Amino acid sequence: MSAEPQSPALPSLTQFDFHQRILEMTGVVLVVFTSPLCGACRHIKQVLRQVHRQNPAWRVFEVDVERDPGLGE
């Protein structure tokens, strides 16, 4: 039985680059706030990858709230 192929990781934003990178972008920018142990987060990231494939001009990013809890607040 072969393993399911890994989906590419969403680009990450951190407390050090979040605001500047978002301000530099135009158009639709989606940011999902996640945690590595969150099952719902893994599912929504898969959905957002599909959304991005259907709308390549949309930018999709992830913020790990365990690594950057201040951004989650």
PDB file of N, CA and C in Angstrom:
ATOM      1  N   MET A   1       0.847  -1.171   0.000  1.00  0.00           N
ATOM      2  CA  MET A   1       0.000   0.000   0.000  1.00  0.00           C
ATOM      3  C   MET A   1       0.897   1.240   0.000  1.00  0.00           C
ATOM      4  N   SER A   2       0.688   2.148  -0.932  1.00  0.00           N
ATOM      5  CA  SER A   2       1.528   3.342  -1.024  1.00  0.00           C
ATOM      6  C   SER A   2       0.945   4.472  -0.196  1.00  0.00           C
ATOM      7  N   ALA A   3       1.824   5.284   0.330  1.00  0.00           N
ATOM      8  CA  ALA A   3       1.398   6.432   1.132  1.00  0.00           C
ATOM      9  C   ALA A   3       0.832   7.509   0.230  1.00  0.00           C
ATOM     10  N   GLU A   4      -0.112   8.254   0.767  1.00  0.00           N
ATOM     11  CA  GLU A   4      -0.697   9.371   0.017  1.00  0.00           C
ATOM     12  C   GLU A   4       0.355  10.459  -0.140  1.00  0.00           C
ATOM     13  N   PRO A   5       0.477  11.067  -1.324  1.00  0.00           N
ATOM     14  CA  PRO A   5       1.499  12.095  -1.516  1.00  0.00           C
ATOM     15  C   PRO A   5       1.248  13.303  -0.619  1.00  0.00           C
ATOM     16  N   GLN A   6       2.331  13.841  -0.118  1.00  0.00           N
ATOM     17  CA  GLN A   6       2.249  15.024   0.732  1.00  0.00           C
ATOM     18  C   GLN A   6       1.871  16.247  -0.090  1.00  0.00           C
ATOM     19  N   SER A   7       0.950  17.038   0.428  1.00  0.00           N
ATOM     20  CA  SER A   7       0.621  18.302  -0.221  1.00  0.00           C
ATOM     21  C   SER A   7       1.704  19.308   0.117  1.00  0.00           C
ATOM     22  N   PRO A   8       1.986  20.216  -0.805  1.00  0.00           N
ATOM     23  CA  PRO A   8       3.009  21.215  -0.495  1.00  0.00           C
ATOM     24  C   PRO A   8       2.566  22.094   0.679  1.00  0.00           C
ATOM     25  N   ALA A   9       3.521  22.504   1.457  1.00  0.00           N
ATOM     26  CA  ALA A   9       3.229  23.364   2.600  1.00  0.00           C
ATOM     27  C   ALA A   9       2.772  24.737   2.117  1.00  0.00           C
ATOM     28  N   LEU A  10       1.885  25.332   2.885  1.00  0.00           N
ATOM     29  CA  LEU A  10       1.505  26.713   2.597  1.00  0.00           C
ATOM     30  C   LEU A  10       2.657  27.616   3.007  1.00  0.00           C
ATOM     31  N   PRO A  11       2.880  28.701   2.301  1.00  0.00           N
ATOM     32  CA  PRO A  11       3.907  29.649   2.740  1.00  0.00           C
ATOM     33  C   PRO A  11       3.538  30.186   4.123  1.00  0.00           C
ATOM     34  N   SER A  12       4.541  30.354   4.961  1.00  0.00           N
ATOM     35  CA  SER A  12       4.314  30.815   6.334  1.00  0.00           C
ATOM     36  C   SER A  12       4.598  32.295   6.493  1.00  0.00           C
ATOM     37  N   LEU A  13       3.861  32.885   7.409  1.00  0.00           N
ATOM     38  CA  LEU A  13       4.128  34.245   7.858  1.00  0.00           C
ATOM     39  C   LEU A  13       4.465  34.164   9.340  1.00  0.00           C
ATOM     40  N   THR A  14       5.356  35.041   9.799  1.00  0.00           N
ATOM     41  CA  THR A  14       5.746  35.071  11.208  1.00  0.00           C
ATOM     42  C   THR A  14       5.532  36.471  11.757  1.00  0.00           C
ATOM     43  N   GLN A  15       5.746  36.601  13.049  1.00  0.00           N
ATOM     44  CA  GLN A  15       5.610  37.905  13.677  1.00  0.00           C
ATOM     45  C   GLN A  15       6.590  38.926  13.099  1.00  0.00           C
ATOM     46  N   PHE A  16       7.657  38.445  12.483  1.00  0.00           N
ATOM     47  CA  PHE A  16       8.678  39.335  11.953  1.00  0.00           C
ATOM     48  C   PHE A  16       8.390  39.842  10.546  1.00  0.00           C
ATOM     49  N   ASP A  17       7.522  39.127   9.802  1.00  0.00           N
ATOM     50  CA  ASP A  17       7.267  39.557   8.424  1.00  0.00           C
ATOM     51  C   ASP A  17       5.790  39.703   8.076  1.00  0.00           C
ATOM     52  N   PHE A  18       4.894  39.341   8.982  1.00  0.00           N
ATOM     53  CA  PHE A  18       3.460  39.333   8.705  1.00  0.00           C
ATOM     54  C   PHE A  18       2.959  40.664   8.151  1.00  0.00           C
ATOM     55  N   HIS A  19       3.110  41.713   8.905  1.00  0.00           N
ATOM     56  CA  HIS A  19       2.523  43.005   8.535  1.00  0.00           C
ATOM     57  C   HIS A  19       3.122  43.559   7.242  1.00  0.00           C
ATOM     58  N   GLN A  20       4.420  43.522   7.118  1.00  0.00           N
ATOM     59  CA  GLN A  20       5.057  44.068   5.917  1.00  0.00           C
ATOM     60  C   GLN A  20       4.652  43.290   4.675  1.00  0.00           C
ATOM     61  N   ARG A  21       4.674  41.961   4.748  1.00  0.00           N
ATOM     62  CA  ARG A  21       4.329  41.168   3.561  1.00  0.00           C
ATOM     63  C   ARG A  21       2.876  41.362   3.160  1.00  0.00           C
ATOM     64  N   ILE A  22       1.964  41.428   4.130  1.00  0.00           N
ATOM     65  CA  ILE A  22       0.548  41.631   3.818  1.00  0.00           C
ATOM     66  C   ILE A  22       0.342  43.005   3.181  1.00  0.00           C
ATOM     67  N   LEU A  23       0.986  44.020   3.724  1.00  0.00           N
ATOM     68  CA  LEU A  23       0.829  45.373   3.181  1.00  0.00           C
ATOM     69  C   LEU A  23       1.370  45.505   1.766  1.00  0.00           C
ATOM     70  N   GLU A  24       2.365  44.708   1.413  1.00  0.00           N
ATOM     71  CA  GLU A  24       2.968  44.778   0.073  1.00  0.00           C
ATOM     72  C   GLU A  24       2.119  44.105  -0.996  1.00  0.00           C
ATOM     73  N   MET A  25       1.135  43.314  -0.595  1.00  0.00           N
ATOM     74  CA  MET A  25       0.347  42.535  -1.551  1.00  0.00           C
ATOM     75  C   MET A  25      -0.906  43.265  -1.983  1.00  0.00           C
ATOM     76  N   THR A  26      -1.328  42.941  -3.199  1.00  0.00           N
ATOM     77  CA  THR A  26      -2.592  43.439  -3.707  1.00  0.00           C
ATOM     78  C   THR A  26      -3.482  42.243  -3.997  1.00  0.00           C
ATOM     79  N   GLY A  27      -4.746  42.485  -4.145  1.00  0.00           N
ATOM     80  CA  GLY A  27      -5.671  41.400  -4.448  1.00  0.00           C
ATOM     81  C   GLY A  27      -6.076  40.644  -3.198  1.00  0.00           C
ATOM     82  N   VAL A  28      -6.514  39.414  -3.408  1.00  0.00           N
ATOM     83  CA  VAL A  28      -7.024  38.585  -2.313  1.00  0.00           C
ATOM     84  C   VAL A  28      -5.864  37.898  -1.604  1.00  0.00           C
ATOM     85  N   VAL A  29      -5.830  38.050  -0.277  1.00  0.00           N
ATOM     86  CA  VAL A  29      -4.841  37.381   0.561  1.00  0.00           C
ATOM     87  C   VAL A  29      -5.603  36.651   1.662  1.00  0.00           C
ATOM     88  N   LEU A  30      -5.418  35.338   1.729  1.00  0.00           N
ATOM     89  CA  LEU A  30      -6.049  34.517   2.756  1.00  0.00           C
ATOM     90  C   LEU A  30      -4.984  34.061   3.734  1.00  0.00           C
ATOM     91  N   VAL A  31      -5.260  34.212   5.030  1.00  0.00           N
ATOM     92  CA  VAL A  31      -4.323  33.773   6.059  1.00  0.00           C
ATOM     93  C   VAL A  31      -5.074  32.827   6.985  1.00  0.00           C
ATOM     94  N   VAL A  32      -4.525  31.638   7.178  1.00  0.00           N
ATOM     95  CA  VAL A  32      -5.107  30.676   8.106  1.00  0.00           C
ATOM     96  C   VAL A  32      -4.176  30.579   9.312  1.00  0.00           C
ATOM     97  N   PHE A  33      -4.761  30.689  10.496  1.00  0.00           N
ATOM     98  CA  PHE A  33      -4.016  30.579  11.742  1.00  0.00           C
ATOM     99  C   PHE A  33      -4.137  29.135  12.205  1.00  0.00           C
ATOM    100  N   THR A  34      -2.998  28.449  12.341  1.00  0.00           N
ATOM    101  CA  THR A  34      -2.991  27.014  12.559  1.00  0.00           C
ATOM    102  C   THR A  34      -2.168  26.614  13.775  1.00  0.00           C
ATOM    103  N   SER A  35      -2.273  25.341  14.093  1.00  0.00           N
ATOM    104  CA  SER A  35      -1.456  24.704  15.117  1.00  0.00           C
ATOM    105  C   SER A  35      -1.092  23.320  14.586  1.00  0.00           C
ATOM    106  N   PRO A  36       0.123  22.850  14.803  1.00  0.00           N
ATOM    107  CA  PRO A  36       0.543  21.563  14.252  1.00  0.00           C
ATOM    108  C   PRO A  36      -0.329  20.375  14.680  1.00  0.00           C
ATOM    109  N   LEU A  37      -0.904  20.407  15.854  1.00  0.00           N
ATOM    110  CA  LEU A  37      -1.693  19.282  16.348  1.00  0.00           C
ATOM    111  C   LEU A  37      -3.185  19.407  16.052  1.00  0.00           C
ATOM    112  N   CYS A  38      -3.581  20.429  15.335  1.00  0.00           N
ATOM    113  CA  CYS A  38      -4.996  20.710  15.070  1.00  0.00           C
ATOM    114  C   CYS A  38      -5.467  19.963  13.822  1.00  0.00           C
ATOM    115  N   GLY A  39      -6.372  19.002  13.997  1.00  0.00           N
ATOM    116  CA  GLY A  39      -6.897  18.246  12.871  1.00  0.00           C
ATOM    117  C   GLY A  39      -7.714  19.112  11.931  1.00  0.00           C
ATOM    118  N   ALA A  40      -8.522  20.003  12.482  1.00  0.00           N
ATOM    119  CA  ALA A  40      -9.320  20.911  11.645  1.00  0.00           C
ATOM    120  C   ALA A  40      -8.413  21.814  10.821  1.00  0.00           C
ATOM    121  N   CYS A  41      -7.280  22.205  11.388  1.00  0.00           N
ATOM    122  CA  CYS A  41      -6.326  23.055  10.658  1.00  0.00           C
ATOM    123  C   CYS A  41      -5.759  22.323   9.449  1.00  0.00           C
ATOM    124  N   ARG A  42      -5.423  21.049   9.625  1.00  0.00           N
ATOM    125  CA  ARG A  42      -4.898  20.265   8.496  1.00  0.00           C
ATOM    126  C   ARG A  42      -5.937  20.190   7.383  1.00  0.00           C
ATOM    127  N   HIS A  43      -7.194  20.014   7.756  1.00  0.00           N
ATOM    128  CA  HIS A  43      -8.260  19.942   6.752  1.00  0.00           C
ATOM    129  C   HIS A  43      -8.422  21.276   6.025  1.00  0.00           C
ATOM    130  N   ILE A  44      -8.485  22.377   6.761  1.00  0.00           N
ATOM    131  CA  ILE A  44      -8.701  23.680   6.117  1.00  0.00           C
ATOM    132  C   ILE A  44      -7.517  24.036   5.230  1.00  0.00           C
ATOM    133  N   LYS A  45      -6.301  23.616   5.598  1.00  0.00           N
ATOM    134  CA  LYS A  45      -5.144  23.879   4.730  1.00  0.00           C
ATOM    135  C   LYS A  45      -5.287  23.137   3.404  1.00  0.00           C
ATOM    136  N   GLN A  46      -5.816  21.911   3.429  1.00  0.00           N
ATOM    137  CA  GLN A  46      -6.061  21.183   2.191  1.00  0.00           C
ATOM    138  C   GLN A  46      -7.093  21.916   1.338  1.00  0.00           C
ATOM    139  N   VAL A  47      -8.145  22.408   1.978  1.00  0.00           N
ATOM    140  CA  VAL A  47      -9.178  23.157   1.257  1.00  0.00           C
ATOM    141  C   VAL A  47      -8.583  24.419   0.654  1.00  0.00           C
ATOM    142  N   LEU A  48      -7.758  25.131   1.396  1.00  0.00           N
ATOM    143  CA  LEU A  48      -7.160  26.366   0.885  1.00  0.00           C
ATOM    144  C   LEU A  48      -6.181  26.091  -0.259  1.00  0.00           C
ATOM    145  N   ARG A  49      -5.502  24.957  -0.241  1.00  0.00           N
ATOM    146  CA  ARG A  49      -4.642  24.600  -1.373  1.00  0.00           C
ATOM    147  C   ARG A  49      -5.491  24.416  -2.628  1.00  0.00           C
ATOM    148  N   GLN A  50      -6.662  23.779  -2.483  1.00  0.00           N
ATOM    149  CA  GLN A  50      -7.566  23.605  -3.620  1.00  0.00           C
ATOM    150  C   GLN A  50      -8.089  24.953  -4.106  1.00  0.00           C
ATOM    151  N   VAL A  51      -8.453  25.822  -3.178  1.00  0.00           N
ATOM    152  CA  VAL A  51      -8.921  27.166  -3.536  1.00  0.00           C
ATOM    153  C   VAL A  51      -7.835  27.896  -4.314  1.00  0.00           C
ATOM    154  N   HIS A  52      -6.594  27.785  -3.855  1.00  0.00           N
ATOM    155  CA  HIS A  52      -5.479  28.456  -4.533  1.00  0.00           C
ATOM    156  C   HIS A  52      -5.262  27.892  -5.942  1.00  0.00           C
ATOM    157  N   ARG A  53      -5.401  26.570  -6.092  1.00  0.00           N
ATOM    158  CA  ARG A  53      -5.253  25.982  -7.429  1.00  0.00           C
ATOM    159  C   ARG A  53      -6.330  26.505  -8.381  1.00  0.00           C
ATOM    160  N   GLN A  54      -7.530  26.742  -7.875  1.00  0.00           N
ATOM    161  CA  GLN A  54      -8.624  27.253  -8.693  1.00  0.00           C
ATOM    162  C   GLN A  54      -8.522  28.759  -8.914  1.00  0.00           C
ATOM    163  N   ASN A  55      -7.835  29.447  -8.015  1.00  0.00           N
ATOM    164  CA  ASN A  55      -7.686  30.908  -8.079  1.00  0.00           C
ATOM    165  C   ASN A  55      -6.214  31.252  -7.842  1.00  0.00           C
ATOM    166  N   PRO A  56      -5.332  30.985  -8.811  1.00  0.00           N
ATOM    167  CA  PRO A  56      -3.898  31.160  -8.587  1.00  0.00           C
ATOM    168  C   PRO A  56      -3.471  32.579  -8.232  1.00  0.00           C
ATOM    169  N   ALA A  57      -4.272  33.569  -8.562  1.00  0.00           N
ATOM    170  CA  ALA A  57      -3.905  34.944  -8.215  1.00  0.00           C
ATOM    171  C   ALA A  57      -4.088  35.208  -6.714  1.00  0.00           C
ATOM    172  N   TRP A  58      -4.884  34.379  -6.060  1.00  0.00           N
ATOM    173  CA  TRP A  58      -5.085  34.546  -4.623  1.00  0.00           C
ATOM    174  C   TRP A  58      -3.848  34.056  -3.888  1.00  0.00           C
ATOM    175  N   ARG A  59      -3.435  34.807  -2.892  1.00  0.00           N
ATOM    176  CA  ARG A  59      -2.290  34.429  -2.064  1.00  0.00           C
ATOM    177  C   ARG A  59      -2.818  33.761  -0.808  1.00  0.00           C
ATOM    178  N   VAL A  60      -2.245  32.619  -0.446  1.00  0.00           N
ATOM    179  CA  VAL A  60      -2.679  31.859   0.732  1.00  0.00           C
ATOM    180  C   VAL A  60      -1.469  31.631   1.630  1.00  0.00           C
ATOM    181  N   PHE A  61      -1.610  31.983   2.906  1.00  0.00           N
ATOM    182  CA  PHE A  61      -0.521  31.866   3.870  1.00  0.00           C
ATOM    183  C   PHE A  61      -1.008  31.198   5.139  1.00  0.00           C
ATOM    184  N   GLU A  62      -0.040  30.763   5.928  1.00  0.00           N
ATOM    185  CA  GLU A  62      -0.303  30.114   7.205  1.00  0.00           C
ATOM    186  C   GLU A  62       0.491  30.817   8.295  1.00  0.00           C
ATOM    187  N   VAL A  63      -0.128  30.945   9.475  1.00  0.00           N
ATOM    188  CA  VAL A  63       0.562  31.420  10.669  1.00  0.00           C
ATOM    189  C   VAL A  63       0.439  30.316  11.718  1.00  0.00           C
ATOM    190  N   ASP A  64       1.556  29.827  12.209  1.00  0.00           N
ATOM    191  CA  ASP A  64       1.580  28.811  13.268  1.00  0.00           C
ATOM    192  C   ASP A  64       1.464  29.548  14.604  1.00  0.00           C
ATOM    193  N   VAL A  65       0.297  29.426  15.263  1.00  0.00           N
ATOM    194  CA  VAL A  65       0.062  30.180  16.493  1.00  0.00           C
ATOM    195  C   VAL A  65       0.831  29.625  17.676  1.00  0.00           C
ATOM    196  N   GLU A  66       1.354  28.399  17.568  1.00  0.00           N
ATOM    197  CA  GLU A  66       2.224  27.908  18.632  1.00  0.00           C
ATOM    198  C   GLU A  66       3.583  28.591  18.545  1.00  0.00           C
ATOM    199  N   ARG A  67       4.039  28.850  17.344  1.00  0.00           N
ATOM    200  CA  ARG A  67       5.331  29.524  17.153  1.00  0.00           C
ATOM    201  C   ARG A  67       5.200  31.029  17.353  1.00  0.00           C
ATOM    202  N   ASP A  68       4.064  31.612  16.912  1.00  0.00           N
ATOM    203  CA  ASP A  68       3.844  33.048  16.980  1.00  0.00           C
ATOM    204  C   ASP A  68       2.492  33.355  17.627  1.00  0.00           C
ATOM    205  N   PRO A  69       2.366  33.100  18.944  1.00  0.00           N
ATOM    206  CA  PRO A  69       1.065  33.276  19.592  1.00  0.00           C
ATOM    207  C   PRO A  69       0.560  34.720  19.578  1.00  0.00           C
ATOM    208  N   GLY A  70       1.443  35.680  19.516  1.00  0.00           N
ATOM    209  CA  GLY A  70       1.026  37.080  19.480  1.00  0.00           C
ATOM    210  C   GLY A  70       0.201  37.404  18.261  1.00  0.00           C
ATOM    211  N   LEU A  71       0.516  36.790  17.131  1.00  0.00           N
ATOM    212  CA  LEU A  71      -0.261  37.028  15.916  1.00  0.00           C
ATOM    213  C   LEU A  71      -1.661  36.436  16.020  1.00  0.00           C
ATOM    214  N   GLY A  72      -1.784  35.351  16.750  1.00  0.00           N
ATOM    215  CA  GLY A  72      -3.087  34.720  16.934  1.00  0.00           C
ATOM    216  C   GLY A  72      -4.013  35.520  17.825  1.00  0.00           C
ATOM    217  N   GLU A  73      -3.428  36.354  18.648  1.00  0.00           N
ATOM    218  CA  GLU A  73      -4.247  37.170  19.552  1.00  0.00           C
ATOM    219  C   GLU A  73      -4.792  38.344  18.791  1.00  0.00           C
TER     220      GLU A  73
END
